[in-house]
All heavy atoms as atom14 arrays in JSON, in Angstrom:
{
  "sequence": "GNHLACVASSTVLEVIESEHLLQNTKDISAYFIEKAQGISAIKHLKG",
  "atom14_mask": [
    [1, 1, 1, 1, 0, 0, 0, 0, 0, 0, 0, 0, 0, 0],
    [1, 1, 1, 1, 1, 1, 1, 1, 0, 0, 0, 0, 0, 0],
    [1, 1, 1, 1, 1, 1, 1, 1, 1, 1, 0, 0, 0, 0],
    [1, 1, 1, 1, 1, 1, 1, 1, 0, 0, 0, 0, 0, 0],
    [1, 1, 1, 1, 1, 0, 0, 0, 0, 0, 0, 0, 0, 0],
    [1, 1, 1, 1, 1, 1, 0, 0, 0, 0, 0, 0, 0, 0],
    [1, 1, 1, 1, 1, 1, 1, 0, 0, 0, 0, 0, 0, 0],
    [1, 1, 1, 1, 1, 0, 0, 0, 0, 0, 0, 0, 0, 0],
    [1, 1, 1, 1, 1, 1, 0, 0, 0, 0, 0, 0, 0, 0],
    [1, 1, 1, 1, 1, 1, 0, 0, 0, 0, 0, 0, 0, 0],
    [1, 1, 1, 1, 1, 1, 1, 0, 0, 0, 0, 0, 0, 0],
    [1, 1, 1, 1, 1, 1, 1, 0, 0, 0, 0, 0, 0, 0],
    [1, 1, 1, 1, 1, 1, 1, 1, 0, 0, 0, 0, 0, 0],
    [1, 1, 1, 1, 1, 1, 1, 1, 1, 0, 0, 0, 0, 0],
    [1, 1, 1, 1, 1, 1, 1, 0, 0, 0, 0, 0, 0, 0],
    [1, 1, 1, 1, 1, 1, 1, 1, 0, 0, 0, 0, 0, 0],
    [1, 1, 1, 1, 1, 1, 1, 1, 1, 0, 0, 0, 0, 0],
    [1, 1, 1, 1, 1, 1, 0, 0, 0, 0, 0, 0, 0, 0],
    [1, 1, 1, 1, 1, 1, 1, 1, 1, 0, 0, 0, 0, 0],
    [1, 1, 1, 1, 1, 1, 1, 1, 1, 1, 0, 0, 0, 0],
    [1, 1, 1, 1, 1, 1, 1, 1, 0, 0, 0, 0, 0, 0],
    [1, 1, 1, 1, 1, 1, 1, 1, 0, 0, 0, 0, 0, 0],
    [1, 1, 1, 1, 1, 1, 1, 1, 1, 0, 0, 0, 0, 0],
    [1, 1, 1, 1, 1, 1, 1, 1, 0, 0, 0, 0, 0, 0],
    [1, 1, 1, 1, 1, 1, 1, 0, 0, 0, 0, 0, 0, 0],
    [1, 1, 1, 1, 1, 1, 1, 1, 1, 0, 0, 0, 0, 0],
    [1, 1, 1, 1, 1, 1, 1, 1, 0, 0, 0, 0, 0, 0],
    [1, 1, 1, 1, 1, 1, 1, 1, 0, 0, 0, 0, 0, 0],
    [1, 1, 1, 1, 1, 1, 0, 0, 0, 0, 0, 0, 0, 0],
    [1, 1, 1, 1, 1, 0, 0, 0, 0, 0, 0, 0, 0, 0],
    [1, 1, 1, 1, 1, 1, 1, 1, 1, 1, 1, 1, 0, 0],
    [1, 1, 1, 1, 1, 1, 1, 1, 1, 1, 1, 0, 0, 0],
    [1, 1, 1, 1, 1, 1, 1, 1, 0, 0, 0, 0, 0, 0],
    [1, 1, 1, 1, 1, 1, 1, 1, 1, 0, 0, 0, 0, 0],
    [1, 1, 1, 1, 1, 1, 1, 1, 1, 0, 0, 0, 0, 0],
    [1, 1, 1, 1, 1, 0, 0, 0, 0, 0, 0, 0, 0, 0],
    [1, 1, 1, 1, 1, 1, 1, 1, 1, 0, 0, 0, 0, 0],
    [1, 1, 1, 1, 0, 0, 0, 0, 0, 0, 0, 0, 0, 0],
    [1, 1, 1, 1, 1, 1, 1, 1, 0, 0, 0, 0, 0, 0],
    [1, 1, 1, 1, 1, 1, 0, 0, 0, 0, 0, 0, 0, 0],
    [1, 1, 1, 1, 1, 0, 0, 0, 0, 0, 0, 0, 0, 0],
    [1, 1, 1, 1, 1, 1, 1, 1, 0, 0, 0, 0, 0, 0],
    [1, 1, 1, 1, 1, 1, 1, 1, 1, 0, 0, 0, 0, 0],
    [1, 1, 1, 1, 1, 1, 1, 1, 1, 1, 0, 0, 0, 0],
    [1, 1, 1, 1, 1, 1, 1, 1, 0, 0, 0, 0, 0, 0],
    [1, 1, 1, 1, 1, 1, 1, 1, 1, 0, 0, 0, 0, 0],
    [1, 1, 1, 1, 0, 0, 0, 0, 0, 0, 0, 0, 0, 0]
  ],
  "atom14_positions": [
    [[6.91, 5.97, 22.74], [7.64, 4.71, 22.86], [7.16, 3.83, 24.01], [7.88, 2.97, 24.5], [0.0, 0.0, 0.0], [0.0, 0.0, 0.0], [0.0, 0.0, 0.0], [0.0, 0.0, 0.0], [0.0, 0.0, 0.0], [0.0, 0.0, 0.0], [0.0, 0.0, 0.0], [0.0, 0.0, 0.0], [0.0, 0.0, 0.0], [0.0, 0.0, 0.0]],
    [[5.87, 3.99, 24.4], [5.35, 3.15, 25.46], [5.2, 1.73, 24.96], [5.3, 1.44, 23.78], [4.03, 3.72, 26.0], [2.9, 3.63, 25.0], [2.36, 2.55, 24.7], [2.51, 4.77, 24.46], [0.0, 0.0, 0.0], [0.0, 0.0, 0.0], [0.0, 0.0, 0.0], [0.0, 0.0, 0.0], [0.0, 0.0, 0.0], [0.0, 0.0, 0.0]],
    [[4.98, 0.82, 25.89], [5.02, -0.61, 25.56], [3.97, -1.01, 24.52], [4.3, -1.79, 23.59], [4.8, -1.42, 26.86], [5.9, -1.22, 27.86], [6.07, -0.04, 28.55], [6.91, -2.02, 28.24], [7.12, -0.15, 29.37], [7.66, -1.35, 29.19], [0.0, 0.0, 0.0], [0.0, 0.0, 0.0], [0.0, 0.0, 0.0], [0.0, 0.0, 0.0]],
    [[2.77, -0.5, 24.65], [1.73, -0.84, 23.65], [2.06, -0.27, 22.29], [1.86, -0.95, 21.25], [0.37, -0.33, 24.11], [-0.2, -0.99, 25.39], [-1.54, -0.38, 25.73], [-0.34, -2.49, 25.18], [0.0, 0.0, 0.0], [0.0, 0.0, 0.0], [0.0, 0.0, 0.0], [0.0, 0.0, 0.0], [0.0, 0.0, 0.0], [0.0, 0.0, 0.0]],
    [[2.56, 0.94, 22.24], [2.91, 1.57, 20.96], [4.01, 0.77, 20.23], [3.96, 0.56, 19.03], [3.35, 3.0, 21.18], [0.0, 0.0, 0.0], [0.0, 0.0, 0.0], [0.0, 0.0, 0.0], [0.0, 0.0, 0.0], [0.0, 0.0, 0.0], [0.0, 0.0, 0.0], [0.0, 0.0, 0.0], [0.0, 0.0, 0.0], [0.0, 0.0, 0.0]],
    [[5.01, 0.34, 21.0], [6.12, -0.41, 20.4], [5.65, -1.77, 19.88], [6.05, -2.2, 18.78], [7.22, -0.64, 21.44], [8.15, 0.85, 21.81], [0.0, 0.0, 0.0], [0.0, 0.0, 0.0], [0.0, 0.0, 0.0], [0.0, 0.0, 0.0], [0.0, 0.0, 0.0], [0.0, 0.0, 0.0], [0.0, 0.0, 0.0], [0.0, 0.0, 0.0]],
    [[4.78, -2.43, 20.62], [4.23, -3.71, 20.14], [3.39, -3.49, 18.89], [3.47, -4.29, 17.91], [3.45, -4.38, 21.25], [2.6, -5.54, 20.69], [4.37, -4.92, 22.34], [0.0, 0.0, 0.0], [0.0, 0.0, 0.0], [0.0, 0.0, 0.0], [0.0, 0.0, 0.0], [0.0, 0.0, 0.0], [0.0, 0.0, 0.0], [0.0, 0.0, 0.0]],
    [[2.6, -2.45, 18.88], [1.77, -2.16, 17.71], [2.62, -1.93, 16.46], [2.38, -2.54, 15.43], [0.94, -0.93, 17.96], [0.0, 0.0, 0.0], [0.0, 0.0, 0.0], [0.0, 0.0, 0.0], [0.0, 0.0, 0.0], [0.0, 0.0, 0.0], [0.0, 0.0, 0.0], [0.0, 0.0, 0.0], [0.0, 0.0, 0.0], [0.0, 0.0, 0.0]],
    [[3.67, -1.12, 16.59], [4.51, -0.8, 15.43], [5.35, -2.0, 15.02], [5.56, -2.25, 13.82], [5.39, 0.38, 15.73], [5.98, 0.87, 14.54], [0.0, 0.0, 0.0], [0.0, 0.0, 0.0], [0.0, 0.0, 0.0], [0.0, 0.0, 0.0], [0.0, 0.0, 0.0], [0.0, 0.0, 0.0], [0.0, 0.0, 0.0], [0.0, 0.0, 0.0]],
    [[5.88, -2.75, 15.97], [6.65, -3.95, 15.64], [5.8, -4.97, 14.89], [6.25, -5.62, 13.93], [7.23, -4.58, 16.9], [8.3, -3.81, 17.44], [0.0, 0.0, 0.0], [0.0, 0.0, 0.0], [0.0, 0.0, 0.0], [0.0, 0.0, 0.0], [0.0, 0.0, 0.0], [0.0, 0.0, 0.0], [0.0, 0.0, 0.0], [0.0, 0.0, 0.0]],
    [[4.54, -5.05, 15.31], [3.62, -5.97, 14.65], [3.33, -5.53, 13.21], [3.29, -6.34, 12.27], [2.3, -6.14, 15.41], [2.57, -6.52, 16.76], [1.37, -7.12, 14.75], [0.0, 0.0, 0.0], [0.0, 0.0, 0.0], [0.0, 0.0, 0.0], [0.0, 0.0, 0.0], [0.0, 0.0, 0.0], [0.0, 0.0, 0.0], [0.0, 0.0, 0.0]],
    [[3.2, -4.23, 13.01], [3.01, -3.7, 11.66], [4.2, -4.11, 10.77], [4.02, -4.58, 9.64], [2.86, -2.15, 11.69], [3.0, -1.53, 10.3], [1.54, -1.75, 12.29], [0.0, 0.0, 0.0], [0.0, 0.0, 0.0], [0.0, 0.0, 0.0], [0.0, 0.0, 0.0], [0.0, 0.0, 0.0], [0.0, 0.0, 0.0], [0.0, 0.0, 0.0]],
    [[5.39, -3.97, 11.28], [6.57, -4.31, 10.49], [6.63, -5.84, 10.2], [6.97, -6.22, 9.08], [7.85, -3.9, 11.26], [8.06, -2.38, 11.39], [9.22, -2.07, 12.31], [8.27, -1.71, 10.04], [0.0, 0.0, 0.0], [0.0, 0.0, 0.0], [0.0, 0.0, 0.0], [0.0, 0.0, 0.0], [0.0, 0.0, 0.0], [0.0, 0.0, 0.0]],
    [[6.28, -6.59, 11.2], [6.25, -8.08, 10.98], [5.26, -8.45, 9.91], [5.56, -9.3, 9.04], [5.92, -8.78, 12.29], [6.96, -8.7, 13.37], [6.47, -9.17, 14.72], [5.39, -9.78, 14.79], [7.17, -8.93, 15.75], [0.0, 0.0, 0.0], [0.0, 0.0, 0.0], [0.0, 0.0, 0.0], [0.0, 0.0, 0.0], [0.0, 0.0, 0.0]],
    [[4.08, -7.87, 9.92], [3.06, -8.2, 8.94], [3.43, -7.69, 7.56], [3.22, -8.38, 6.54], [1.69, -7.68, 9.41], [0.65, -7.87, 8.29], [1.24, -8.37, 10.67], [0.0, 0.0, 0.0], [0.0, 0.0, 0.0], [0.0, 0.0, 0.0], [0.0, 0.0, 0.0], [0.0, 0.0, 0.0], [0.0, 0.0, 0.0], [0.0, 0.0, 0.0]],
    [[3.96, -6.47, 7.49], [4.43, -5.96, 6.17], [5.42, -6.92, 5.53], [5.33, -7.21, 4.34], [5.09, -4.57, 6.35], [4.01, -3.5, 6.63], [5.88, -4.18, 5.11], [4.56, -2.13, 6.91], [0.0, 0.0, 0.0], [0.0, 0.0, 0.0], [0.0, 0.0, 0.0], [0.0, 0.0, 0.0], [0.0, 0.0, 0.0], [0.0, 0.0, 0.0]],
    [[6.29, -7.46, 6.37], [7.32, -8.37, 5.84], [6.72, -9.74, 5.5], [6.91, -10.27, 4.4], [8.47, -8.53, 6.82], [9.62, -9.38, 6.33], [10.82, -9.39, 7.24], [10.6, -9.29, 8.47], [11.94, -9.51, 6.74], [0.0, 0.0, 0.0], [0.0, 0.0, 0.0], [0.0, 0.0, 0.0], [0.0, 0.0, 0.0], [0.0, 0.0, 0.0]],
    [[6.0, -10.33, 6.43], [5.52, -11.69, 6.27], [4.43, -11.82, 5.19], [4.34, -12.84, 4.53], [4.98, -12.27, 7.6], [3.82, -11.55, 8.04], [0.0, 0.0, 0.0], [0.0, 0.0, 0.0], [0.0, 0.0, 0.0], [0.0, 0.0, 0.0], [0.0, 0.0, 0.0], [0.0, 0.0, 0.0], [0.0, 0.0, 0.0], [0.0, 0.0, 0.0]],
    [[3.67, -10.77, 5.0], [2.6, -10.79, 4.0], [3.0, -10.08, 2.7], [2.16, -9.86, 1.82], [1.32, -10.19, 4.57], [0.78, -11.02, 5.75], [-0.58, -10.55, 6.26], [-1.2, -9.7, 5.58], [-1.03, -11.08, 7.29], [0.0, 0.0, 0.0], [0.0, 0.0, 0.0], [0.0, 0.0, 0.0], [0.0, 0.0, 0.0], [0.0, 0.0, 0.0]],
    [[4.29, -9.71, 2.58], [4.82, -9.14, 1.34], [4.02, -7.9, 0.91], [3.69, -7.77, -0.26], [4.91, -10.18, 0.27], [5.55, -11.48, 0.67], [6.9, -11.58, 0.93], [5.02, -12.69, 0.91], [7.17, -12.82, 1.29], [6.04, -13.51, 1.3], [0.0, 0.0, 0.0], [0.0, 0.0, 0.0], [0.0, 0.0, 0.0], [0.0, 0.0, 0.0]],
    [[3.76, -7.03, 1.85], [2.86, -5.92, 1.56], [3.52, -4.81, 0.7], [2.82, -4.06, 0.04], [2.27, -5.33, 2.86], [1.35, -6.29, 3.62], [0.71, -5.55, 4.8], [0.27, -6.85, 2.74], [0.0, 0.0, 0.0], [0.0, 0.0, 0.0], [0.0, 0.0, 0.0], [0.0, 0.0, 0.0], [0.0, 0.0, 0.0], [0.0, 0.0, 0.0]],
    [[4.85, -4.71, 0.76], [5.5, -3.74, -0.14], [5.26, -4.17, -1.6], [4.97, -3.35, -2.48], [7.01, -3.64, 0.17], [7.35, -3.02, 1.53], [8.88, -2.94, 1.65], [6.77, -1.64, 1.65], [0.0, 0.0, 0.0], [0.0, 0.0, 0.0], [0.0, 0.0, 0.0], [0.0, 0.0, 0.0], [0.0, 0.0, 0.0], [0.0, 0.0, 0.0]],
    [[5.42, -5.45, -1.88], [5.21, -5.92, -3.23], [3.74, -5.81, -3.61], [3.39, -5.48, -4.75], [5.65, -7.4, -3.36], [5.62, -7.92, -4.82], [6.48, -7.09, -5.75], [7.65, -6.88, -5.48], [5.91, -6.64, -6.86], [0.0, 0.0, 0.0], [0.0, 0.0, 0.0], [0.0, 0.0, 0.0], [0.0, 0.0, 0.0], [0.0, 0.0, 0.0]],
    [[2.84, -6.12, -2.68], [1.39, -5.98, -2.95], [1.05, -4.55, -3.28], [0.25, -4.3, -4.2], [0.58, -6.47, -1.77], [-0.92, -6.54, -2.08], [-1.35, -7.32, -2.89], [-1.69, -5.68, -1.41], [0.0, 0.0, 0.0], [0.0, 0.0, 0.0], [0.0, 0.0, 0.0], [0.0, 0.0, 0.0], [0.0, 0.0, 0.0], [0.0, 0.0, 0.0]],
    [[1.68, -3.61, -2.58], [1.41, -2.21, -2.84], [1.82, -1.88, -4.29], [1.07, -1.17, -4.97], [2.21, -1.34, -1.86], [1.74, -1.58, -0.54], [2.09, 0.12, -2.15], [0.0, 0.0, 0.0], [0.0, 0.0, 0.0], [0.0, 0.0, 0.0], [0.0, 0.0, 0.0], [0.0, 0.0, 0.0], [0.0, 0.0, 0.0], [0.0, 0.0, 0.0]],
    [[2.95, -2.32, -4.69], [3.41, -2.09, -6.09], [2.46, -2.74, -7.11], [2.09, -2.15, -8.11], [4.83, -2.56, -6.3], [5.83, -1.76, -5.48], [7.24, -2.38, -5.59], [8.23, -1.64, -4.72], [9.58, -2.25, -4.74], [0.0, 0.0, 0.0], [0.0, 0.0, 0.0], [0.0, 0.0, 0.0], [0.0, 0.0, 0.0], [0.0, 0.0, 0.0]],
    [[2.09, -4.01, -6.83], [1.22, -4.74, -7.77], [-0.16, -4.1, -7.9], [-0.67, -3.91, -9.01], [1.09, -6.18, -7.32], [2.39, -6.96, -7.38], [3.3, -6.53, -8.08], [2.45, -8.04, -6.75], [0.0, 0.0, 0.0], [0.0, 0.0, 0.0], [0.0, 0.0, 0.0], [0.0, 0.0, 0.0], [0.0, 0.0, 0.0], [0.0, 0.0, 0.0]],
    [[-0.75, -3.78, -6.77], [-2.11, -3.17, -6.8], [-2.04, -1.77, -7.4], [-2.96, -1.34, -8.09], [-2.75, -3.12, -5.41], [-2.88, -4.55, -4.82], [-4.08, -2.46, -5.44], [-3.76, -5.48, -5.72], [0.0, 0.0, 0.0], [0.0, 0.0, 0.0], [0.0, 0.0, 0.0], [0.0, 0.0, 0.0], [0.0, 0.0, 0.0], [0.0, 0.0, 0.0]],
    [[-0.98, -1.07, -7.14], [-0.8, 0.29, -7.72], [-0.79, 0.2, -9.26], [-1.44, 1.0, -9.94], [0.48, 0.95, -7.23], [0.62, 2.25, -7.75], [0.0, 0.0, 0.0], [0.0, 0.0, 0.0], [0.0, 0.0, 0.0], [0.0, 0.0, 0.0], [0.0, 0.0, 0.0], [0.0, 0.0, 0.0], [0.0, 0.0, 0.0], [0.0, 0.0, 0.0]],
    [[-0.06, -0.76, -9.78], [0.0, -0.92, -11.25], [-1.38, -1.26, -11.8], [-1.76, -0.73, -12.87], [1.0, -2.05, -11.61], [0.0, 0.0, 0.0], [0.0, 0.0, 0.0], [0.0, 0.0, 0.0], [0.0, 0.0, 0.0], [0.0, 0.0, 0.0], [0.0, 0.0, 0.0], [0.0, 0.0, 0.0], [0.0, 0.0, 0.0], [0.0, 0.0, 0.0]],
    [[-2.1, -2.09, -11.11], [-3.45, -2.44, -11.52], [-4.4, -1.22, -11.46], [-5.21, -1.0, -12.35], [-4.02, -3.56, -10.65], [-5.36, -4.1, -11.05], [-5.48, -4.87, -12.24], [-6.5, -3.86, -10.33], [-6.72, -5.4, -12.61], [-7.73, -4.34, -10.68], [-7.85, -5.12, -11.86], [-9.05, -5.62, -12.24], [0.0, 0.0, 0.0], [0.0, 0.0, 0.0]],
    [[-4.26, -0.44, -10.39], [-5.04, 0.78, -10.23], [-4.82, 1.75, -11.39], [-5.76, 2.3, -11.99], [-4.67, 1.46, -8.92], [-5.51, 2.63, -8.56], [-6.53, 2.51, -7.62], [-5.28, 3.89, -9.1], [-7.33, 3.61, -7.26], [-6.07, 5.0, -8.75], [-7.09, 4.83, -7.83], [0.0, 0.0, 0.0], [0.0, 0.0, 0.0], [0.0, 0.0, 0.0]],
    [[-3.53, 1.93, -11.76], [-3.19, 2.83, -12.87], [-3.81, 2.35, -14.18], [-4.34, 3.15, -14.95], [-1.68, 2.95, -12.96], [-1.11, 3.68, -11.74], [-1.25, 3.63, -14.26], [0.41, 3.61, -11.59], [0.0, 0.0, 0.0], [0.0, 0.0, 0.0], [0.0, 0.0, 0.0], [0.0, 0.0, 0.0], [0.0, 0.0, 0.0], [0.0, 0.0, 0.0]],
    [[-3.77, 1.03, -14.37], [-4.36, 0.48, -15.58], [-5.85, 0.73, -15.64], [-6.42, 1.1, -16.69], [-4.07, -1.04, -15.59], [-4.65, -1.82, -16.76], [-4.45, -3.29, -16.63], [-3.42, -3.73, -16.03], [-5.33, -4.05, -17.13], [0.0, 0.0, 0.0], [0.0, 0.0, 0.0], [0.0, 0.0, 0.0], [0.0, 0.0, 0.0], [0.0, 0.0, 0.0]],
    [[-6.54, 0.53, -14.54], [-7.99, 0.72, -14.47], [-8.34, 2.22, -14.67], [-9.33, 2.55, -15.28], [-8.57, 0.2, -13.14], [-8.4, -1.26, -12.92], [-9.29, -2.09, -13.8], [-10.73, -2.03, -13.4], [-11.56, -2.95, -14.15], [0.0, 0.0, 0.0], [0.0, 0.0, 0.0], [0.0, 0.0, 0.0], [0.0, 0.0, 0.0], [0.0, 0.0, 0.0]],
    [[-7.53, 3.08, -14.09], [-7.78, 4.54, -14.19], [-7.75, 5.02, -15.62], [-8.45, 6.0, -16.01], [-6.8, 5.28, -13.32], [0.0, 0.0, 0.0], [0.0, 0.0, 0.0], [0.0, 0.0, 0.0], [0.0, 0.0, 0.0], [0.0, 0.0, 0.0], [0.0, 0.0, 0.0], [0.0, 0.0, 0.0], [0.0, 0.0, 0.0], [0.0, 0.0, 0.0]],
    [[-6.94, 4.37, -16.44], [-6.84, 4.81, -17.84], [-8.1, 4.58, -18.62], [-8.3, 5.15, -19.7], [-5.64, 4.05, -18.5], [-4.29, 4.49, -17.96], [-3.17, 3.58, -18.39], [-3.35, 2.51, -18.94], [-1.93, 4.03, -18.11], [0.0, 0.0, 0.0], [0.0, 0.0, 0.0], [0.0, 0.0, 0.0], [0.0, 0.0, 0.0], [0.0, 0.0, 0.0]],
    [[-9.01, 3.8, -18.06], [-10.28, 3.55, -18.72], [-11.37, 4.55, -18.37], [-12.51, 4.43, -18.82], [0.0, 0.0, 0.0], [0.0, 0.0, 0.0], [0.0, 0.0, 0.0], [0.0, 0.0, 0.0], [0.0, 0.0, 0.0], [0.0, 0.0, 0.0], [0.0, 0.0, 0.0], [0.0, 0.0, 0.0], [0.0, 0.0, 0.0], [0.0, 0.0, 0.0]],
    [[-11.07, 5.52, -17.52], [-12.03, 6.54, -17.11], [-11.61, 7.89, -17.73], [-10.66, 8.52, -17.22], [-12.11, 6.66, -15.57], [-12.37, 5.31, -14.92], [-13.16, 7.68, -15.16], [-13.78, 4.8, -14.96], [0.0, 0.0, 0.0], [0.0, 0.0, 0.0], [0.0, 0.0, 0.0], [0.0, 0.0, 0.0], [0.0, 0.0, 0.0], [0.0, 0.0, 0.0]],
    [[-12.25, 8.33, -18.79], [-11.83, 9.52, -19.46], [-12.0, 10.77, -18.62], [-11.29, 11.78, -18.86], [-12.61, 9.66, -20.78], [-14.02, 9.75, -20.52], [0.0, 0.0, 0.0], [0.0, 0.0, 0.0], [0.0, 0.0, 0.0], [0.0, 0.0, 0.0], [0.0, 0.0, 0.0], [0.0, 0.0, 0.0], [0.0, 0.0, 0.0], [0.0, 0.0, 0.0]],
    [[-12.89, 10.75, -17.64], [-13.11, 11.93, -16.82], [-11.93, 12.23, -15.87], [-11.81, 13.32, -15.36], [-14.38, 11.76, -15.99], [0.0, 0.0, 0.0], [0.0, 0.0, 0.0], [0.0, 0.0, 0.0], [0.0, 0.0, 0.0], [0.0, 0.0, 0.0], [0.0, 0.0, 0.0], [0.0, 0.0, 0.0], [0.0, 0.0, 0.0], [0.0, 0.0, 0.0]],
    [[-11.08, 11.22, -15.66], [-9.87, 11.4, -14.81], [-8.82, 12.13, -15.66], [-8.36, 11.65, -16.66], [-9.35, 10.06, -14.32], [-10.37, 9.37, -13.42], [-8.03, 10.28, -13.53], [-9.98, 7.94, -13.01], [0.0, 0.0, 0.0], [0.0, 0.0, 0.0], [0.0, 0.0, 0.0], [0.0, 0.0, 0.0], [0.0, 0.0, 0.0], [0.0, 0.0, 0.0]],
    [[-8.51, 13.32, -15.23], [-7.59, 14.17, -16.02], [-6.14, 13.91, -15.62], [-5.25, 14.0, -16.46], [-7.9, 15.65, -15.81], [-9.32, 16.03, -16.21], [-9.61, 15.55, -17.65], [-11.04, 15.82, -18.1], [-11.35, 15.27, -19.4], [0.0, 0.0, 0.0], [0.0, 0.0, 0.0], [0.0, 0.0, 0.0], [0.0, 0.0, 0.0], [0.0, 0.0, 0.0]],
    [[-5.88, 13.58, -14.37], [-4.53, 13.28, -13.92], [-4.56, 12.23, -12.84], [-5.47, 12.22, -12.01], [-3.81, 14.53, -13.36], [-3.61, 15.6, -14.39], [-4.41, 16.74, -14.43], [-2.67, 15.76, -15.35], [-3.99, 17.51, -15.41], [-2.95, 16.95, -16.01], [0.0, 0.0, 0.0], [0.0, 0.0, 0.0], [0.0, 0.0, 0.0], [0.0, 0.0, 0.0]],
    [[-3.64, 11.3, -12.87], [-3.42, 10.35, -11.82], [-2.14, 10.71, -11.09], [-1.07, 10.77, -11.74], [-3.34, 8.92, -12.34], [-3.05, 7.83, -11.37], [-4.16, 7.71, -10.33], [-2.86, 6.48, -12.08], [0.0, 0.0, 0.0], [0.0, 0.0, 0.0], [0.0, 0.0, 0.0], [0.0, 0.0, 0.0], [0.0, 0.0, 0.0], [0.0, 0.0, 0.0]],
    [[-2.21, 10.98, -9.8], [-1.05, 11.45, -9.06], [-0.62, 10.46, -7.99], [-1.41, 9.63, -7.55], [-1.38, 12.81, -8.37], [-1.62, 13.93, -9.37], [-1.85, 15.24, -8.59], [-1.88, 16.44, -9.52], [-2.04, 17.69, -8.76], [0.0, 0.0, 0.0], [0.0, 0.0, 0.0], [0.0, 0.0, 0.0], [0.0, 0.0, 0.0], [0.0, 0.0, 0.0]],
    [[0.63, 10.52, -7.58], [1.12, 9.75, -6.48], [1.81, 8.46, -6.92], [2.04, 8.24, -8.11], [0.0, 0.0, 0.0], [0.0, 0.0, 0.0], [0.0, 0.0, 0.0], [0.0, 0.0, 0.0], [0.0, 0.0, 0.0], [0.0, 0.0, 0.0], [0.0, 0.0, 0.0], [0.0, 0.0, 0.0], [0.0, 0.0, 0.0], [0.0, 0.0, 0.0]]
  ]
}
């Protein structure tokens, strides 16, 4: 909880919110899953 650590983490939260990174994570994940379906050598997609 030192001063630099708190500023680092608070900034992470600010950027996640202001740049809509939760939504970007969902959008890119859906695109990733779609692309993975085109690779027959991939037996399972996890996570």
